[in-house]
Amino acid sequence: MKELWYHEQGDRSWLVVTRNTITHEITSVELARDVARSMGRTK
């Protein structure tokens, strides 16, 4: 499952976190802005 997380206590960036909802294992973390850019979005 992909979720959008806000890193409030750190650098205040938005993250796209992919995790297993049963085991809670996080399998990937990407900056949301990078994901948006890869999809052709400019803002």
PDB file of N, CA and C in Angstrom:
ATOM      1  N   MET A   1       0.844  -1.160   0.000  1.00  0.00           N
ATOM      2  CA  MET A   1       0.000   0.000   0.000  1.00  0.00           C
ATOM      3  C   MET A   1       0.897   1.232   0.000  1.00  0.00           C
ATOM      4  N   LYS A   2       0.537   2.220  -0.821  1.00  0.00           N
ATOM      5  CA  LYS A   2       1.266   3.485  -0.838  1.00  0.00           C
ATOM      6  C   LYS A   2       0.499   4.490   0.009  1.00  0.00           C
ATOM      7  N   GLU A   3       1.237   5.198   0.846  1.00  0.00           N
ATOM      8  CA  GLU A   3       0.640   6.198   1.726  1.00  0.00           C
ATOM      9  C   GLU A   3       1.416   7.495   1.596  1.00  0.00           C
ATOM     10  N   LEU A   4       0.759   8.594   1.848  1.00  0.00           N
ATOM     11  CA  LEU A   4       1.400   9.901   1.834  1.00  0.00           C
ATOM     12  C   LEU A   4       1.625  10.331   3.275  1.00  0.00           C
ATOM     13  N   TRP A   5       2.890  10.514   3.647  1.00  0.00           N
ATOM     14  CA  TRP A   5       3.255  10.897   5.015  1.00  0.00           C
ATOM     15  C   TRP A   5       3.896  12.274   5.002  1.00  0.00           C
ATOM     16  N   TYR A   6       3.668  13.043   6.055  1.00  0.00           N
ATOM     17  CA  TYR A   6       4.296  14.350   6.226  1.00  0.00           C
ATOM     18  C   TYR A   6       5.353  14.235   7.316  1.00  0.00           C
ATOM     19  N   HIS A   7       6.587  14.602   7.015  1.00  0.00           N
ATOM     20  CA  HIS A   7       7.705  14.491   7.959  1.00  0.00           C
ATOM     21  C   HIS A   7       7.773  15.771   8.787  1.00  0.00           C
ATOM     22  N   GLU A   8       6.851  15.906   9.720  1.00  0.00           N
ATOM     23  CA  GLU A   8       6.671  17.134  10.494  1.00  0.00           C
ATOM     24  C   GLU A   8       7.863  17.476  11.381  1.00  0.00           C
ATOM     25  N   GLN A   9       8.438  16.513  12.051  1.00  0.00           N
ATOM     26  CA  GLN A   9       9.528  16.782  12.991  1.00  0.00           C
ATOM     27  C   GLN A   9      10.890  16.897  12.310  1.00  0.00           C
ATOM     28  N   GLY A  10      10.963  16.559  11.046  1.00  0.00           N
ATOM     29  CA  GLY A  10      12.232  16.610  10.318  1.00  0.00           C
ATOM     30  C   GLY A  10      12.282  17.808   9.395  1.00  0.00           C
ATOM     31  N   ASP A  11      12.415  17.526   8.117  1.00  0.00           N
ATOM     32  CA  ASP A  11      12.566  18.611   7.143  1.00  0.00           C
ATOM     33  C   ASP A  11      11.238  19.065   6.540  1.00  0.00           C
ATOM     34  N   ARG A  12      10.136  18.585   7.093  1.00  0.00           N
ATOM     35  CA  ARG A  12       8.781  18.974   6.686  1.00  0.00           C
ATOM     36  C   ARG A  12       8.468  18.651   5.229  1.00  0.00           C
ATOM     37  N   SER A  13       8.995  17.547   4.772  1.00  0.00           N
ATOM     38  CA  SER A  13       8.733  17.128   3.398  1.00  0.00           C
ATOM     39  C   SER A  13       7.605  16.096   3.373  1.00  0.00           C
ATOM     40  N   TRP A  14       6.972  15.974   2.207  1.00  0.00           N
ATOM     41  CA  TRP A  14       5.966  14.942   1.982  1.00  0.00           C
ATOM     42  C   TRP A  14       6.659  13.728   1.393  1.00  0.00           C
ATOM     43  N   LEU A  15       6.301  12.552   1.889  1.00  0.00           N
ATOM     44  CA  LEU A  15       6.916  11.301   1.464  1.00  0.00           C
ATOM     45  C   LEU A  15       5.849  10.331   0.973  1.00  0.00           C
ATOM     46  N   VAL A  16       6.179   9.565  -0.047  1.00  0.00           N
ATOM     47  CA  VAL A  16       5.334   8.456  -0.483  1.00  0.00           C
ATOM     48  C   VAL A  16       5.973   7.197   0.096  1.00  0.00           C
ATOM     49  N   VAL A  17       5.269   6.576   1.030  1.00  0.00           N
ATOM     50  CA  VAL A  17       5.784   5.405   1.742  1.00  0.00           C
ATOM     51  C   VAL A  17       5.006   4.177   1.275  1.00  0.00           C
ATOM     52  N   THR A  18       5.732   3.161   0.839  1.00  0.00           N
ATOM     53  CA  THR A  18       5.109   1.894   0.456  1.00  0.00           C
ATOM     54  C   THR A  18       5.370   0.906   1.582  1.00  0.00           C
ATOM     55  N   ARG A  19       4.291   0.344   2.130  1.00  0.00           N
ATOM     56  CA  ARG A  19       4.459  -0.578   3.254  1.00  0.00           C
ATOM     57  C   ARG A  19       3.425  -1.685   3.214  1.00  0.00           C
ATOM     58  N   ASN A  20       3.764  -2.770   3.884  1.00  0.00           N
ATOM     59  CA  ASN A  20       2.866  -3.899   4.052  1.00  0.00           C
ATOM     60  C   ASN A  20       1.960  -3.564   5.241  1.00  0.00           C
ATOM     61  N   THR A  21       0.651  -3.542   5.022  1.00  0.00           N
ATOM     62  CA  THR A  21      -0.269  -3.147   6.093  1.00  0.00           C
ATOM     63  C   THR A  21      -0.478  -4.231   7.144  1.00  0.00           C
ATOM     64  N   ILE A  22      -0.024  -5.435   6.871  1.00  0.00           N
ATOM     65  CA  ILE A  22      -0.146  -6.515   7.855  1.00  0.00           C
ATOM     66  C   ILE A  22       1.074  -6.547   8.770  1.00  0.00           C
ATOM     67  N   THR A  23       2.270  -6.491   8.168  1.00  0.00           N
ATOM     68  CA  THR A  23       3.503  -6.572   8.960  1.00  0.00           C
ATOM     69  C   THR A  23       4.079  -5.198   9.299  1.00  0.00           C
ATOM     70  N   HIS A  24       3.579  -4.162   8.647  1.00  0.00           N
ATOM     71  CA  HIS A  24       4.068  -2.779   8.790  1.00  0.00           C
ATOM     72  C   HIS A  24       5.470  -2.582   8.229  1.00  0.00           C
ATOM     73  N   GLU A  25       5.979  -3.568   7.481  1.00  0.00           N
ATOM     74  CA  GLU A  25       7.299  -3.443   6.867  1.00  0.00           C
ATOM     75  C   GLU A  25       7.264  -2.371   5.780  1.00  0.00           C
ATOM     76  N   ILE A  26       8.175  -1.418   5.873  1.00  0.00           N
ATOM     77  CA  ILE A  26       8.301  -0.371   4.867  1.00  0.00           C
ATOM     78  C   ILE A  26       9.245  -0.879   3.789  1.00  0.00           C
ATOM     79  N   THR A  27       8.770  -0.866   2.539  1.00  0.00           N
ATOM     80  CA  THR A  27       9.578  -1.389   1.441  1.00  0.00           C
ATOM     81  C   THR A  27      10.185  -0.296   0.579  1.00  0.00           C
ATOM     82  N   SER A  28       9.631   0.915   0.614  1.00  0.00           N
ATOM     83  CA  SER A  28      10.259   2.024  -0.104  1.00  0.00           C
ATOM     84  C   SER A  28       9.739   3.352   0.419  1.00  0.00           C
ATOM     85  N   VAL A  29      10.594   4.359   0.276  1.00  0.00           N
ATOM     86  CA  VAL A  29      10.241   5.730   0.649  1.00  0.00           C
ATOM     87  C   VAL A  29      10.785   6.641  -0.441  1.00  0.00           C
ATOM     88  N   GLU A  30       9.921   7.512  -0.960  1.00  0.00           N
ATOM     89  CA  GLU A  30      10.323   8.458  -1.997  1.00  0.00           C
ATOM     90  C   GLU A  30       9.782   9.835  -1.641  1.00  0.00           C
ATOM     91  N   LEU A  31      10.490  10.874  -2.052  1.00  0.00           N
ATOM     92  CA  LEU A  31       9.958  12.220  -1.883  1.00  0.00           C
ATOM     93  C   LEU A  31       8.761  12.381  -2.811  1.00  0.00           C
ATOM     94  N   ALA A  32       7.668  12.918  -2.286  1.00  0.00           N
ATOM     95  CA  ALA A  32       6.449  13.065  -3.081  1.00  0.00           C
ATOM     96  C   ALA A  32       6.694  13.939  -4.303  1.00  0.00           C
ATOM     97  N   ARG A  33       7.535  14.964  -4.178  1.00  0.00           N
ATOM     98  CA  ARG A  33       7.795  15.839  -5.333  1.00  0.00           C
ATOM     99  C   ARG A  33       8.482  15.073  -6.459  1.00  0.00           C
ATOM    100  N   ASP A  34       9.346  14.110  -6.112  1.00  0.00           N
ATOM    101  CA  ASP A  34      10.013  13.312  -7.138  1.00  0.00           C
ATOM    102  C   ASP A  34       9.030  12.381  -7.836  1.00  0.00           C
ATOM    103  N   VAL A  35       8.100  11.830  -7.082  1.00  0.00           N
ATOM    104  CA  VAL A  35       7.071  10.957  -7.661  1.00  0.00           C
ATOM    105  C   VAL A  35       6.192  11.765  -8.610  1.00  0.00           C
ATOM    106  N   ALA A  36       5.795  12.962  -8.189  1.00  0.00           N
ATOM    107  CA  ALA A  36       4.961  13.822  -9.032  1.00  0.00           C
ATOM    108  C   ALA A  36       5.692  14.201 -10.317  1.00  0.00           C
ATOM    109  N   ARG A  37       6.967  14.535 -10.206  1.00  0.00           N
ATOM    110  CA  ARG A  37       7.754  14.898 -11.400  1.00  0.00           C
ATOM    111  C   ARG A  37       7.874  13.725 -12.359  1.00  0.00           C
ATOM    112  N   SER A  38       8.032  12.531 -11.822  1.00  0.00           N
ATOM    113  CA  SER A  38       8.158  11.356 -12.688  1.00  0.00           C
ATOM    114  C   SER A  38       6.853  11.055 -13.421  1.00  0.00           C
ATOM    115  N   MET A  39       5.749  11.580 -12.886  1.00  0.00           N
ATOM    116  CA  MET A  39       4.445  11.408 -13.520  1.00  0.00           C
ATOM    117  C   MET A  39       4.123  12.569 -14.454  1.00  0.00           C
ATOM    118  N   GLY A  40       5.083  13.485 -14.635  1.00  0.00           N
ATOM    119  CA  GLY A  40       4.890  14.596 -15.561  1.00  0.00           C
ATOM    120  C   GLY A  40       4.301  15.844 -14.952  1.00  0.00           C
ATOM    121  N   ARG A  41       4.182  15.884 -13.641  1.00  0.00           N
ATOM    122  CA  ARG A  41       3.633  17.077 -12.990  1.00  0.00           C
ATOM    123  C   ARG A  41       4.758  18.057 -12.695  1.00  0.00           C
ATOM    124  N   THR A  42       4.469  19.340 -12.858  1.00  0.00           N
ATOM    125  CA  THR A  42       5.503  20.355 -12.641  1.00  0.00           C
ATOM    126  C   THR A  42       5.344  21.092 -11.329  1.00  0.00           C
ATOM    127  N   LYS A  43       4.184  21.011 -10.696  1.00  0.00           N
ATOM    128  CA  LYS A  43       3.968  21.685  -9.405  1.00  0.00           C
ATOM    129  C   LYS A  43       3.352  20.744  -8.413  1.00  0.00           C
TER     130      LYS A  43
END
